Amino acid sequence: MTSIMEFTAEIEAYLAEKYPEKWLNWESFPKALMYIVSECAEAMEAWRDDNKGAAGEELADIAIRLFHTASALGIDLDEEIRLKMEVNKSRPVHHGRKKI
Protein backbone atom coordinates (compact mmCIF):
# COMPACT_ATOMS: atom_id res chain seq x y z
CA MET A 1 0.00 0.00 0.00
CA THR A 2 1.25 3.47 -0.85
CA SER A 3 1.73 5.73 2.16
CA ILE A 4 0.56 9.30 2.41
CA MET A 5 4.17 10.42 2.30
CA GLU A 6 4.75 8.47 -0.93
CA PHE A 7 1.70 10.09 -2.54
CA THR A 8 2.91 13.44 -1.24
CA ALA A 9 6.34 12.98 -2.83
CA GLU A 10 4.66 12.22 -6.16
CA ILE A 11 2.41 15.27 -5.83
CA GLU A 12 5.37 17.49 -4.92
CA ALA A 13 7.38 16.27 -7.93
CA TYR A 14 4.45 16.97 -10.24
CA LEU A 15 3.81 20.42 -8.78
CA ALA A 16 7.49 21.40 -8.84
CA GLU A 17 7.58 20.63 -12.55
CA LYS A 18 4.30 22.31 -13.41
CA TYR A 19 4.54 25.27 -10.99
CA PRO A 20 8.19 25.98 -10.17
CA GLU A 21 7.34 28.98 -7.96
CA LYS A 22 6.82 27.94 -4.35
CA TRP A 23 3.96 29.98 -2.94
CA LEU A 24 2.78 27.80 -0.08
CA ASN A 25 4.14 28.64 3.37
CA TRP A 26 2.77 29.49 6.80
CA GLU A 27 1.77 33.00 5.70
CA SER A 28 -0.21 31.62 2.73
CA PHE A 29 -1.77 28.80 4.80
CA PRO A 30 -5.23 30.49 4.81
CA LYS A 31 -5.13 30.61 0.99
CA ALA A 32 -4.25 26.90 0.87
CA LEU A 33 -7.12 26.11 3.24
CA MET A 34 -9.54 28.00 1.01
CA TYR A 35 -8.40 25.94 -1.98
CA ILE A 36 -9.27 22.83 0.07
CA VAL A 37 -12.64 24.34 0.96
CA SER A 38 -13.34 25.08 -2.72
CA GLU A 39 -12.68 21.42 -3.55
CA CYS A 40 -15.08 20.45 -0.74
CA ALA A 41 -17.73 22.72 -2.30
CA GLU A 42 -17.19 21.02 -5.65
CA ALA A 43 -17.65 17.62 -3.97
CA MET A 44 -20.91 18.91 -2.49
CA GLU A 45 -22.02 19.97 -5.97
CA ALA A 46 -21.27 16.48 -7.24
CA TRP A 47 -23.43 15.06 -4.45
CA ARG A 48 -26.28 17.42 -5.34
CA ASP A 49 -25.95 16.24 -8.94
CA ASP A 50 -25.96 12.62 -7.71
CA ASN A 51 -22.64 12.10 -9.49
CA LYS A 52 -20.44 9.67 -7.53
CA GLY A 53 -17.73 9.75 -10.20
CA ALA A 54 -17.34 13.51 -9.90
CA ALA A 55 -17.51 13.23 -6.10
CA GLY A 56 -14.61 10.77 -6.16
CA GLU A 57 -12.59 13.10 -8.35
CA GLU A 58 -13.22 16.01 -5.98
CA LEU A 59 -12.28 13.91 -2.95
CA ALA A 60 -9.01 13.13 -4.73
CA ASP A 61 -8.49 16.87 -5.31
CA ILE A 62 -9.09 17.48 -1.60
CA ALA A 63 -6.48 14.87 -0.68
CA ILE A 64 -3.96 16.23 -3.19
CA ARG A 65 -4.33 19.78 -1.88
CA LEU A 66 -4.20 18.55 1.72
CA PHE A 67 -1.06 16.46 1.16
CA HIS A 68 0.63 19.34 -0.67
CA THR A 69 -0.25 21.81 2.08
CA ALA A 70 1.05 19.54 4.83
CA SER A 71 4.25 18.85 2.92
CA ALA A 72 4.91 22.53 2.21
CA LEU A 73 4.54 23.25 5.93
CA GLY A 74 6.77 20.35 6.97
CA ILE A 75 3.92 18.38 8.53
CA ASP A 76 4.18 14.57 8.45
CA LEU A 77 0.56 13.56 7.80
CA ASP A 78 1.31 9.85 8.23
CA GLU A 79 2.42 10.51 11.79
CA GLU A 80 -0.24 13.14 12.53
CA ILE A 81 -3.03 10.81 11.41
CA ARG A 82 -1.66 7.96 13.50
CA LEU A 83 -1.45 10.21 16.58
CA LYS A 84 -4.91 11.69 16.02
CA MET A 85 -6.48 8.25 15.56
CA GLU A 86 -5.11 7.25 18.97
CA VAL A 87 -6.72 10.35 20.50
CA ASN A 88 -10.00 9.63 18.69
CA LYS A 89 -10.04 6.00 19.88
CA SER A 90 -9.97 7.22 23.49
CA ARG A 91 -12.93 9.56 23.08
CA PRO A 92 -16.58 8.73 23.65
CA VAL A 93 -18.84 8.74 20.60
CA HIS A 94 -20.29 12.22 21.14
CA HIS A 95 -17.48 14.05 22.91
CA GLY A 96 -17.61 17.76 23.50
CA ARG A 97 -21.28 17.75 24.55
CA LYS A 98 -22.42 17.74 20.93
CA LYS A 99 -26.07 17.05 20.32
CA ILE A 100 -27.01 14.80 17.47
PDB file of N, CA and C in Angstrom:
ATOM      1  N   MET A   1       0.842  -1.176   0.000  1.00  0.00           N
ATOM      2  CA  MET A   1       0.000   0.000   0.000  1.00  0.00           C
ATOM      3  C   MET A   1       0.892   1.247   0.000  1.00  0.00           C
ATOM      4  N   THR A   2       0.501   2.223  -0.783  1.00  0.00           N
ATOM      5  CA  THR A   2       1.250   3.470  -0.851  1.00  0.00           C
ATOM      6  C   THR A   2       0.917   4.326   0.372  1.00  0.00           C
ATOM      7  N   SER A   3       1.951   4.876   0.985  1.00  0.00           N
ATOM      8  CA  SER A   3       1.728   5.725   2.155  1.00  0.00           C
ATOM      9  C   SER A   3       1.379   7.146   1.724  1.00  0.00           C
ATOM     10  N   ILE A   4       0.861   7.892   2.668  1.00  0.00           N
ATOM     11  CA  ILE A   4       0.561   9.297   2.412  1.00  0.00           C
ATOM     12  C   ILE A   4       1.823  10.030   1.983  1.00  0.00           C
ATOM     13  N   MET A   5       2.927   9.725   2.634  1.00  0.00           N
ATOM     14  CA  MET A   5       4.173  10.417   2.302  1.00  0.00           C
ATOM     15  C   MET A   5       4.643  10.069   0.894  1.00  0.00           C
ATOM     16  N   GLU A   6       4.385   8.844   0.440  1.00  0.00           N
ATOM     17  CA  GLU A   6       4.752   8.470  -0.934  1.00  0.00           C
ATOM     18  C   GLU A   6       3.878   9.217  -1.942  1.00  0.00           C
ATOM     19  N   PHE A   7       2.571   9.296  -1.675  1.00  0.00           N
ATOM     20  CA  PHE A   7       1.699  10.090  -2.537  1.00  0.00           C
ATOM     21  C   PHE A   7       2.143  11.546  -2.530  1.00  0.00           C
ATOM     22  N   THR A   8       2.496  12.045  -1.356  1.00  0.00           N
ATOM     23  CA  THR A   8       2.910  13.438  -1.235  1.00  0.00           C
ATOM     24  C   THR A   8       4.162  13.705  -2.065  1.00  0.00           C
ATOM     25  N   ALA A   9       5.113  12.807  -2.036  1.00  0.00           N
ATOM     26  CA  ALA A   9       6.336  12.977  -2.834  1.00  0.00           C
ATOM     27  C   ALA A   9       5.998  13.037  -4.323  1.00  0.00           C
ATOM     28  N   GLU A  10       5.077  12.204  -4.763  1.00  0.00           N
ATOM     29  CA  GLU A  10       4.661  12.217  -6.163  1.00  0.00           C
ATOM     30  C   GLU A  10       3.967  13.536  -6.512  1.00  0.00           C
ATOM     31  N   ILE A  11       3.104  13.992  -5.619  1.00  0.00           N
ATOM     32  CA  ILE A  11       2.408  15.269  -5.829  1.00  0.00           C
ATOM     33  C   ILE A  11       3.413  16.411  -5.880  1.00  0.00           C
ATOM     34  N   GLU A  12       4.364  16.423  -4.955  1.00  0.00           N
ATOM     35  CA  GLU A  12       5.370  17.487  -4.921  1.00  0.00           C
ATOM     36  C   GLU A  12       6.213  17.509  -6.197  1.00  0.00           C
ATOM     37  N   ALA A  13       6.592  16.340  -6.690  1.00  0.00           N
ATOM     38  CA  ALA A  13       7.380  16.272  -7.928  1.00  0.00           C
ATOM     39  C   ALA A  13       6.584  16.842  -9.098  1.00  0.00           C
ATOM     40  N   TYR A  14       5.315  16.459  -9.180  1.00  0.00           N
ATOM     41  CA  TYR A  14       4.450  16.973 -10.245  1.00  0.00           C
ATOM     42  C   TYR A  14       4.309  18.490 -10.149  1.00  0.00           C
ATOM     43  N   LEU A  15       4.025  18.988  -8.951  1.00  0.00           N
ATOM     44  CA  LEU A  15       3.809  20.422  -8.780  1.00  0.00           C
ATOM     45  C   LEU A  15       5.080  21.228  -9.020  1.00  0.00           C
ATOM     46  N   ALA A  16       6.219  20.687  -8.616  1.00  0.00           N
ATOM     47  CA  ALA A  16       7.494  21.398  -8.836  1.00  0.00           C
ATOM     48  C   ALA A  16       7.771  21.560 -10.324  1.00  0.00           C
ATOM     49  N   GLU A  17       7.380  20.561 -11.107  1.00  0.00           N
ATOM     50  CA  GLU A  17       7.583  20.631 -12.547  1.00  0.00           C
ATOM     51  C   GLU A  17       6.590  21.593 -13.205  1.00  0.00           C
ATOM     52  N   LYS A  18       5.344  21.506 -12.791  1.00  0.00           N
ATOM     53  CA  LYS A  18       4.295  22.311 -13.409  1.00  0.00           C
ATOM     54  C   LYS A  18       4.294  23.754 -12.916  1.00  0.00           C
ATOM     55  N   TYR A  19       4.555  23.937 -11.612  1.00  0.00           N
ATOM     56  CA  TYR A  19       4.538  25.266 -10.991  1.00  0.00           C
ATOM     57  C   TYR A  19       5.831  25.462 -10.207  1.00  0.00           C
ATOM     58  N   PRO A  20       6.903  25.887 -10.860  1.00  0.00           N
ATOM     59  CA  PRO A  20       8.193  25.978 -10.170  1.00  0.00           C
ATOM     60  C   PRO A  20       8.229  26.997  -9.024  1.00  0.00           C
ATOM     61  N   GLU A  21       7.343  28.004  -9.052  1.00  0.00           N
ATOM     62  CA  GLU A  21       7.335  28.979  -7.960  1.00  0.00           C
ATOM     63  C   GLU A  21       6.683  28.352  -6.732  1.00  0.00           C
ATOM     64  N   LYS A  22       7.339  28.497  -5.604  1.00  0.00           N
ATOM     65  CA  LYS A  22       6.819  27.939  -4.347  1.00  0.00           C
ATOM     66  C   LYS A  22       6.081  29.043  -3.611  1.00  0.00           C
ATOM     67  N   TRP A  23       4.771  28.952  -3.577  1.00  0.00           N
ATOM     68  CA  TRP A  23       3.963  29.985  -2.944  1.00  0.00           C
ATOM     69  C   TRP A  23       3.451  29.572  -1.575  1.00  0.00           C
ATOM     70  N   LEU A  24       3.448  28.278  -1.288  1.00  0.00           N
ATOM     71  CA  LEU A  24       2.780  27.799  -0.084  1.00  0.00           C
ATOM     72  C   LEU A  24       3.737  27.800   1.108  1.00  0.00           C
ATOM     73  N   ASN A  25       3.388  28.576   2.122  1.00  0.00           N
ATOM     74  CA  ASN A  25       4.142  28.643   3.373  1.00  0.00           C
ATOM     75  C   ASN A  25       3.164  29.013   4.489  1.00  0.00           C
ATOM     76  N   TRP A  26       3.661  29.214   5.676  1.00  0.00           N
ATOM     77  CA  TRP A  26       2.772  29.487   6.805  1.00  0.00           C
ATOM     78  C   TRP A  26       1.923  30.737   6.568  1.00  0.00           C
ATOM     79  N   GLU A  27       2.504  31.766   5.958  1.00  0.00           N
ATOM     80  CA  GLU A  27       1.766  33.002   5.699  1.00  0.00           C
ATOM     81  C   GLU A  27       0.647  32.789   4.687  1.00  0.00           C
ATOM     82  N   SER A  28       0.824  31.869   3.748  1.00  0.00           N
ATOM     83  CA  SER A  28      -0.207  31.623   2.735  1.00  0.00           C
ATOM     84  C   SER A  28      -1.110  30.437   3.109  1.00  0.00           C
ATOM     85  N   PHE A  29      -0.962  29.923   4.336  1.00  0.00           N
ATOM     86  CA  PHE A  29      -1.773  28.799   4.799  1.00  0.00           C
ATOM     87  C   PHE A  29      -3.279  29.056   4.651  1.00  0.00           C
ATOM     88  N   PRO A  30      -3.789  30.260   5.004  1.00  0.00           N
ATOM     89  CA  PRO A  30      -5.226  30.495   4.808  1.00  0.00           C
ATOM     90  C   PRO A  30      -5.653  30.318   3.348  1.00  0.00           C
ATOM     91  N   LYS A  31      -4.825  30.764   2.422  1.00  0.00           N
ATOM     92  CA  LYS A  31      -5.130  30.607   0.990  1.00  0.00           C
ATOM     93  C   LYS A  31      -5.196  29.116   0.635  1.00  0.00           C
ATOM     94  N   ALA A  32      -4.256  28.345   1.135  1.00  0.00           N
ATOM     95  CA  ALA A  32      -4.249  26.900   0.866  1.00  0.00           C
ATOM     96  C   ALA A  32      -5.503  26.242   1.446  1.00  0.00           C
ATOM     97  N   LEU A  33      -5.902  26.663   2.639  1.00  0.00           N
ATOM     98  CA  LEU A  33      -7.122  26.110   3.238  1.00  0.00           C
ATOM     99  C   LEU A  33      -8.351  26.442   2.394  1.00  0.00           C
ATOM    100  N   MET A  34      -8.398  27.633   1.841  1.00  0.00           N
ATOM    101  CA  MET A  34      -9.544  28.004   1.009  1.00  0.00           C
ATOM    102  C   MET A  34      -9.578  27.203  -0.287  1.00  0.00           C
ATOM    103  N   TYR A  35      -8.412  26.839  -0.818  1.00  0.00           N
ATOM    104  CA  TYR A  35      -8.396  25.941  -1.979  1.00  0.00           C
ATOM    105  C   TYR A  35      -9.006  24.589  -1.602  1.00  0.00           C
ATOM    106  N   ILE A  36      -8.692  24.100  -0.402  1.00  0.00           N
ATOM    107  CA  ILE A  36      -9.268  22.835   0.066  1.00  0.00           C
ATOM    108  C   ILE A  36     -10.781  22.986   0.223  1.00  0.00           C
ATOM    109  N   VAL A  37     -11.214  24.092   0.789  1.00  0.00           N
ATOM    110  CA  VAL A  37     -12.644  24.345   0.957  1.00  0.00           C
ATOM    111  C   VAL A  37     -13.341  24.389  -0.403  1.00  0.00           C
ATOM    112  N   SER A  38     -12.705  25.001  -1.388  1.00  0.00           N
ATOM    113  CA  SER A  38     -13.335  25.080  -2.717  1.00  0.00           C
ATOM    114  C   SER A  38     -13.499  23.684  -3.319  1.00  0.00           C
ATOM    115  N   GLU A  39     -12.539  22.807  -3.076  1.00  0.00           N
ATOM    116  CA  GLU A  39     -12.676  21.423  -3.553  1.00  0.00           C
ATOM    117  C   GLU A  39     -13.810  20.716  -2.802  1.00  0.00           C
ATOM    118  N   CYS A  40     -13.964  21.016  -1.511  1.00  0.00           N
ATOM    119  CA  CYS A  40     -15.083  20.446  -0.738  1.00  0.00           C
ATOM    120  C   CYS A  40     -16.413  20.919  -1.321  1.00  0.00           C
ATOM    121  N   ALA A  41     -16.489  22.191  -1.699  1.00  0.00           N
ATOM    122  CA  ALA A  41     -17.725  22.722  -2.296  1.00  0.00           C
ATOM    123  C   ALA A  41     -18.018  22.015  -3.618  1.00  0.00           C
ATOM    124  N   GLU A  42     -16.983  21.739  -4.400  1.00  0.00           N
ATOM    125  CA  GLU A  42     -17.189  21.017  -5.655  1.00  0.00           C
ATOM    126  C   GLU A  42     -17.664  19.587  -5.400  1.00  0.00           C
ATOM    127  N   ALA A  43     -17.170  18.963  -4.335  1.00  0.00           N
ATOM    128  CA  ALA A  43     -17.646  17.623  -3.969  1.00  0.00           C
ATOM    129  C   ALA A  43     -19.115  17.686  -3.570  1.00  0.00           C
ATOM    130  N   MET A  44     -19.510  18.738  -2.874  1.00  0.00           N
ATOM    131  CA  MET A  44     -20.908  18.908  -2.494  1.00  0.00           C
ATOM    132  C   MET A  44     -21.782  19.072  -3.731  1.00  0.00           C
ATOM    133  N   GLU A  45     -21.290  19.819  -4.706  1.00  0.00           N
ATOM    134  CA  GLU A  45     -22.020  19.968  -5.968  1.00  0.00           C
ATOM    135  C   GLU A  45     -22.215  18.615  -6.644  1.00  0.00           C
ATOM    136  N   ALA A  46     -21.171  17.810  -6.636  1.00  0.00           N
ATOM    137  CA  ALA A  46     -21.266  16.477  -7.239  1.00  0.00           C
ATOM    138  C   ALA A  46     -22.333  15.652  -6.523  1.00  0.00           C
ATOM    139  N   TRP A  47     -22.404  15.770  -5.199  1.00  0.00           N
ATOM    140  CA  TRP A  47     -23.431  15.056  -4.449  1.00  0.00           C
ATOM    141  C   TRP A  47     -24.824  15.547  -4.850  1.00  0.00           C
ATOM    142  N   ARG A  48     -24.968  16.873  -4.940  1.00  0.00           N
ATOM    143  CA  ARG A  48     -26.276  17.424  -5.336  1.00  0.00           C
ATOM    144  C   ARG A  48     -26.684  16.945  -6.720  1.00  0.00           C
ATOM    145  N   ASP A  49     -25.689  16.744  -7.586  1.00  0.00           N
ATOM    146  CA  ASP A  49     -25.949  16.237  -8.942  1.00  0.00           C
ATOM    147  C   ASP A  49     -26.051  14.717  -8.975  1.00  0.00           C
ATOM    148  N   ASP A  50     -25.927  14.078  -7.818  1.00  0.00           N
ATOM    149  CA  ASP A  50     -25.957  12.618  -7.711  1.00  0.00           C
ATOM    150  C   ASP A  50     -24.914  11.979  -8.627  1.00  0.00           C
ATOM    151  N   ASN A  51     -23.703  12.542  -8.606  1.00  0.00           N
ATOM    152  CA  ASN A  51     -22.637  12.099  -9.492  1.00  0.00           C
ATOM    153  C   ASN A  51     -21.470  11.573  -8.654  1.00  0.00           C
ATOM    154  N   LYS A  52     -21.496  10.263  -8.368  1.00  0.00           N
ATOM    155  CA  LYS A  52     -20.442   9.669  -7.533  1.00  0.00           C
ATOM    156  C   LYS A  52     -19.074   9.744  -8.191  1.00  0.00           C
ATOM    157  N   GLY A  53     -19.024   9.646  -9.503  1.00  0.00           N
ATOM    158  CA  GLY A  53     -17.733   9.750 -10.201  1.00  0.00           C
ATOM    159  C   GLY A  53     -17.085  11.099  -9.966  1.00  0.00           C
ATOM    160  N   ALA A  54     -17.867  12.155 -10.133  1.00  0.00           N
ATOM    161  CA  ALA A  54     -17.341  13.506  -9.903  1.00  0.00           C
ATOM    162  C   ALA A  54     -16.999  13.697  -8.430  1.00  0.00           C
ATOM    163  N   ALA A  55     -17.806  13.116  -7.532  1.00  0.00           N
ATOM    164  CA  ALA A  55     -17.515  13.229  -6.099  1.00  0.00           C
ATOM    165  C   ALA A  55     -16.168  12.590  -5.785  1.00  0.00           C
ATOM    166  N   GLY A  56     -15.902  11.437  -6.367  1.00  0.00           N
ATOM    167  CA  GLY A  56     -14.613  10.772  -6.161  1.00  0.00           C
ATOM    168  C   GLY A  56     -13.454  11.620  -6.652  1.00  0.00           C
ATOM    169  N   GLU A  57     -13.628  12.230  -7.803  1.00  0.00           N
ATOM    170  CA  GLU A  57     -12.587  13.103  -8.352  1.00  0.00           C
ATOM    171  C   GLU A  57     -12.329  14.289  -7.421  1.00  0.00           C
ATOM    172  N   GLU A  58     -13.389  14.863  -6.891  1.00  0.00           N
ATOM    173  CA  GLU A  58     -13.222  16.008  -5.982  1.00  0.00           C
ATOM    174  C   GLU A  58     -12.584  15.584  -4.663  1.00  0.00           C
ATOM    175  N   LEU A  59     -12.940  14.401  -4.169  1.00  0.00           N
ATOM    176  CA  LEU A  59     -12.283  13.906  -2.951  1.00  0.00           C
ATOM    177  C   LEU A  59     -10.787  13.719  -3.194  1.00  0.00           C
ATOM    178  N   ALA A  60     -10.428  13.256  -4.386  1.00  0.00           N
ATOM    179  CA  ALA A  60      -9.008  13.132  -4.730  1.00  0.00           C
ATOM    180  C   ALA A  60      -8.346  14.505  -4.748  1.00  0.00           C
ATOM    181  N   ASP A  61      -9.027  15.504  -5.311  1.00  0.00           N
ATOM    182  CA  ASP A  61      -8.486  16.868  -5.313  1.00  0.00           C
ATOM    183  C   ASP A  61      -8.277  17.378  -3.891  1.00  0.00           C
ATOM    184  N   ILE A  62      -9.228  17.075  -3.005  1.00  0.00           N
ATOM    185  CA  ILE A  62      -9.093  17.482  -1.604  1.00  0.00           C
ATOM    186  C   ILE A  62      -7.836  16.866  -1.004  1.00  0.00           C
ATOM    187  N   ALA A  63      -7.649  15.562  -1.227  1.00  0.00           N
ATOM    188  CA  ALA A  63      -6.479  14.865  -0.682  1.00  0.00           C
ATOM    189  C   ALA A  63      -5.186  15.442  -1.256  1.00  0.00           C
ATOM    190  N   ILE A  64      -5.163  15.687  -2.555  1.00  0.00           N
ATOM    191  CA  ILE A  64      -3.959  16.232  -3.194  1.00  0.00           C
ATOM    192  C   ILE A  64      -3.609  17.590  -2.590  1.00  0.00           C
ATOM    193  N   ARG A  65      -4.595  18.456  -2.460  1.00  0.00           N
ATOM    194  CA  ARG A  65      -4.330  19.780  -1.875  1.00  0.00           C
ATOM    195  C   ARG A  65      -3.917  19.669  -0.411  1.00  0.00           C
ATOM    196  N   LEU A  66      -4.550  18.757   0.322  1.00  0.00           N
ATOM    197  CA  LEU A  66      -4.204  18.548   1.721  1.00  0.00           C
ATOM    198  C   LEU A  66      -2.774  18.045   1.870  1.00  0.00           C
ATOM    199  N   PHE A  67      -2.410  17.029   1.089  1.00  0.00           N
ATOM    200  CA  PHE A  67      -1.062  16.459   1.163  1.00  0.00           C
ATOM    201  C   PHE A  67      -0.019  17.511   0.799  1.00  0.00           C
ATOM    202  N   HIS A  68      -0.304  18.295  -0.255  1.00  0.00           N
ATOM    203  CA  HIS A  68       0.633  19.337  -0.675  1.00  0.00           C
ATOM    204  C   HIS A  68       0.802  20.389   0.418  1.00  0.00           C
ATOM    205  N   THR A  69      -0.305  20.801   1.027  1.00  0.00           N
ATOM    206  CA  THR A  69      -0.248  21.811   2.081  1.00  0.00           C
ATOM    207  C   THR A  69       0.580  21.317   3.262  1.00  0.00           C
ATOM    208  N   ALA A  70       0.295  20.102   3.701  1.00  0.00           N
ATOM    209  CA  ALA A  70       1.049  19.545   4.831  1.00  0.00           C
ATOM    210  C   ALA A  70       2.533  19.463   4.502  1.00  0.00           C
ATOM    211  N   SER A  71       2.851  18.992   3.315  1.00  0.00           N
ATOM    212  CA  SER A  71       4.254  18.853   2.917  1.00  0.00           C
ATOM    213  C   SER A  71       4.960  20.206   2.889  1.00  0.00           C
ATOM    214  N   ALA A  72       4.300  21.202   2.308  1.00  0.00           N
ATOM    215  CA  ALA A  72       4.913  22.532   2.212  1.00  0.00           C
ATOM    216  C   ALA A  72       5.180  23.127   3.586  1.00  0.00           C
ATOM    217  N   LEU A  73       4.371  22.732   4.572  1.00  0.00           N
ATOM    218  CA  LEU A  73       4.545  23.254   5.929  1.00  0.00           C
ATOM    219  C   LEU A  73       5.409  22.342   6.798  1.00  0.00           C
ATOM    220  N   GLY A  74       5.917  21.255   6.213  1.00  0.00           N
ATOM    221  CA  GLY A  74       6.774  20.346   6.966  1.00  0.00           C
ATOM    222  C   GLY A  74       6.018  19.474   7.951  1.00  0.00           C
ATOM    223  N   ILE A  75       4.755  19.205   7.656  1.00  0.00           N
ATOM    224  CA  ILE A  75       3.921  18.382   8.529  1.00  0.00           C
ATOM    225  C   ILE A  75       3.879  16.958   7.983  1.00  0.00           C
ATOM    226  N   ASP A  76       4.192  15.986   8.825  1.00  0.00           N
ATOM    227  CA  ASP A  76       4.175  14.570   8.454  1.00  0.00           C
ATOM    228  C   ASP A  76       2.766  14.029   8.700  1.00  0.00           C
ATOM    229  N   LEU A  77       1.949  13.994   7.644  1.00  0.00           N
ATOM    230  CA  LEU A  77       0.564  13.559   7.801  1.00  0.00           C
ATOM    231  C   LEU A  77       0.445  12.104   8.223  1.00  0.00           C
ATOM    232  N   ASP A  78       1.345  11.247   7.768  1.00  0.00           N
ATOM    233  CA  ASP A  78       1.314   9.848   8.227  1.00  0.00           C
ATOM    234  C   ASP A  78       1.322   9.808   9.751  1.00  0.00           C
ATOM    235  N   GLU A  79       2.268  10.507  10.333  1.00  0.00           N
ATOM    236  CA  GLU A  79       2.418  10.512  11.791  1.00  0.00           C
ATOM    237  C   GLU A  79       1.254  11.237  12.468  1.00  0.00           C
ATOM    238  N   GLU A  80       0.855  12.374  11.926  1.00  0.00           N
ATOM    239  CA  GLU A  80      -0.237  13.136  12.535  1.00  0.00           C
ATOM    240  C   GLU A  80      -1.539  12.346  12.539  1.00  0.00           C
ATOM    241  N   ILE A  81      -1.803  11.619  11.468  1.00  0.00           N
ATOM    242  CA  ILE A  81      -3.029  10.813  11.414  1.00  0.00           C
ATOM    243  C   ILE A  81      -2.958   9.678  12.419  1.00  0.00           C
ATOM    244  N   ARG A  82      -1.812   9.035  12.505  1.00  0.00           N
ATOM    245  CA  ARG A  82      -1.659   7.959  13.496  1.00  0.00           C
ATOM    246  C   ARG A  82      -1.899   8.491  14.921  1.00  0.00           C
ATOM    247  N   LEU A  83      -1.287   9.621  15.244  1.00  0.00           N
ATOM    248  CA  LEU A  83      -1.453  10.213  16.576  1.00  0.00           C
ATOM    249  C   LEU A  83      -2.903  10.614  16.832  1.00  0.00           C
ATOM    250  N   LYS A  84      -3.532  11.234  15.852  1.00  0.00           N
ATOM    251  CA  LYS A  84      -4.909  11.691  16.019  1.00  0.00           C
ATOM    252  C   LYS A  84      -5.868  10.511  16.149  1.00  0.00           C
ATOM    253  N   MET A  85      -5.623   9.427  15.431  1.00  0.00           N
ATOM    254  CA  MET A  85      -6.479   8.248  15.559  1.00  0.00           C
ATOM    255  C   MET A  85      -6.402   7.674  16.968  1.00  0.00           C
ATOM    256  N   GLU A  86      -5.234   7.723  17.582  1.00  0.00           N
ATOM    257  CA  GLU A  86      -5.113   7.249  18.967  1.00  0.00           C
ATOM    258  C   GLU A  86      -5.936   8.125  19.904  1.00  0.00           C
ATOM    259  N   VAL A  87      -5.903   9.435  19.695  1.00  0.00           N
ATOM    260  CA  VAL A  87      -6.720  10.354  20.500  1.00  0.00           C
ATOM    261  C   VAL A  87      -8.197  10.034  20.281  1.00  0.00           C
ATOM    262  N   ASN A  88      -8.596   9.885  19.016  1.00  0.00           N
ATOM    263  CA  ASN A  88     -10.001   9.628  18.695  1.00  0.00           C
ATOM    264  C   ASN A  88     -10.497   8.322  19.301  1.00  0.00           C
ATOM    265  N   LYS A  89      -9.649   7.295  19.320  1.00  0.00           N
ATOM    266  CA  LYS A  89     -10.042   5.999  19.884  1.00  0.00           C
ATOM    267  C   LYS A  89     -10.353   6.103  21.371  1.00  0.00           C
ATOM    268  N   SER A  90      -9.760   7.083  22.044  1.00  0.00           N
ATOM    269  CA  SER A  90      -9.967   7.222  23.487  1.00  0.00           C
ATOM    270  C   SER A  90     -11.187   8.082  23.825  1.00  0.00           C
ATOM    271  N   ARG A  91     -11.807   8.665  22.837  1.00  0.00           N
ATOM    272  CA  ARG A  91     -12.933   9.564  23.081  1.00  0.00           C
ATOM    273  C   ARG A  91     -14.267   8.818  23.019  1.00  0.00           C
ATOM    274  N   PRO A  92     -15.240   9.300  23.798  1.00  0.00           N
ATOM    275  CA  PRO A  92     -16.578   8.733  23.649  1.00  0.00           C
ATOM    276  C   PRO A  92     -17.168   9.145  22.296  1.00  0.00           C
ATOM    277  N   VAL A  93     -18.245   8.508  21.916  1.00  0.00           N
ATOM    278  CA  VAL A  93     -18.837   8.736  20.601  1.00  0.00           C
ATOM    279  C   VAL A  93     -19.200  10.199  20.376  1.00  0.00           C
ATOM    280  N   HIS A  94     -19.873  10.828  21.309  1.00  0.00           N
ATOM    281  CA  HIS A  94     -20.292  12.216  21.135  1.00  0.00           C
ATOM    282  C   HIS A  94     -19.565  13.110  22.132  1.00  0.00           C
ATOM    283  N   HIS A  95     -18.253  13.229  21.973  1.00  0.00           N
ATOM    284  CA  HIS A  95     -17.478  14.046  22.910  1.00  0.00           C
ATOM    285  C   HIS A  95     -17.751  15.528  22.671  1.00  0.00           C
ATOM    286  N   GLY A  96     -17.437  16.314  23.639  1.00  0.00           N
ATOM    287  CA  GLY A  96     -17.609  17.763  23.502  1.00  0.00           C
ATOM    288  C   GLY A  96     -19.046  18.219  23.661  1.00  0.00           C
ATOM    289  N   ARG A  97     -19.881  17.408  24.281  1.00  0.00           N
ATOM    290  CA  ARG A  97     -21.283  17.750  24.545  1.00  0.00           C
ATOM    291  C   ARG A  97     -22.057  18.111  23.279  1.00  0.00           C
ATOM    292  N   LYS A  98     -21.705  17.489  22.181  1.00  0.00           N
ATOM    293  CA  LYS A  98     -22.417  17.741  20.934  1.00  0.00           C
ATOM    294  C   LYS A  98     -23.745  17.022  20.943  1.00  0.00           C
ATOM    295  N   LYS A  99     -24.758  17.673  20.441  1.00  0.00           N
ATOM    296  CA  LYS A  99     -26.071  17.051  20.323  1.00  0.00           C
ATOM    297  C   LYS A  99     -26.252  16.557  18.901  1.00  0.00           C
ATOM    298  N   ILE A 100     -26.747  15.362  18.790  1.00  0.00           N
ATOM    299  CA  ILE A 100     -27.012  14.797  17.467  1.00  0.00           C
ATOM    300  C   ILE A 100     -28.510  14.694  17.276  1.00  0.00           C
TER     301      ILE A 100
END
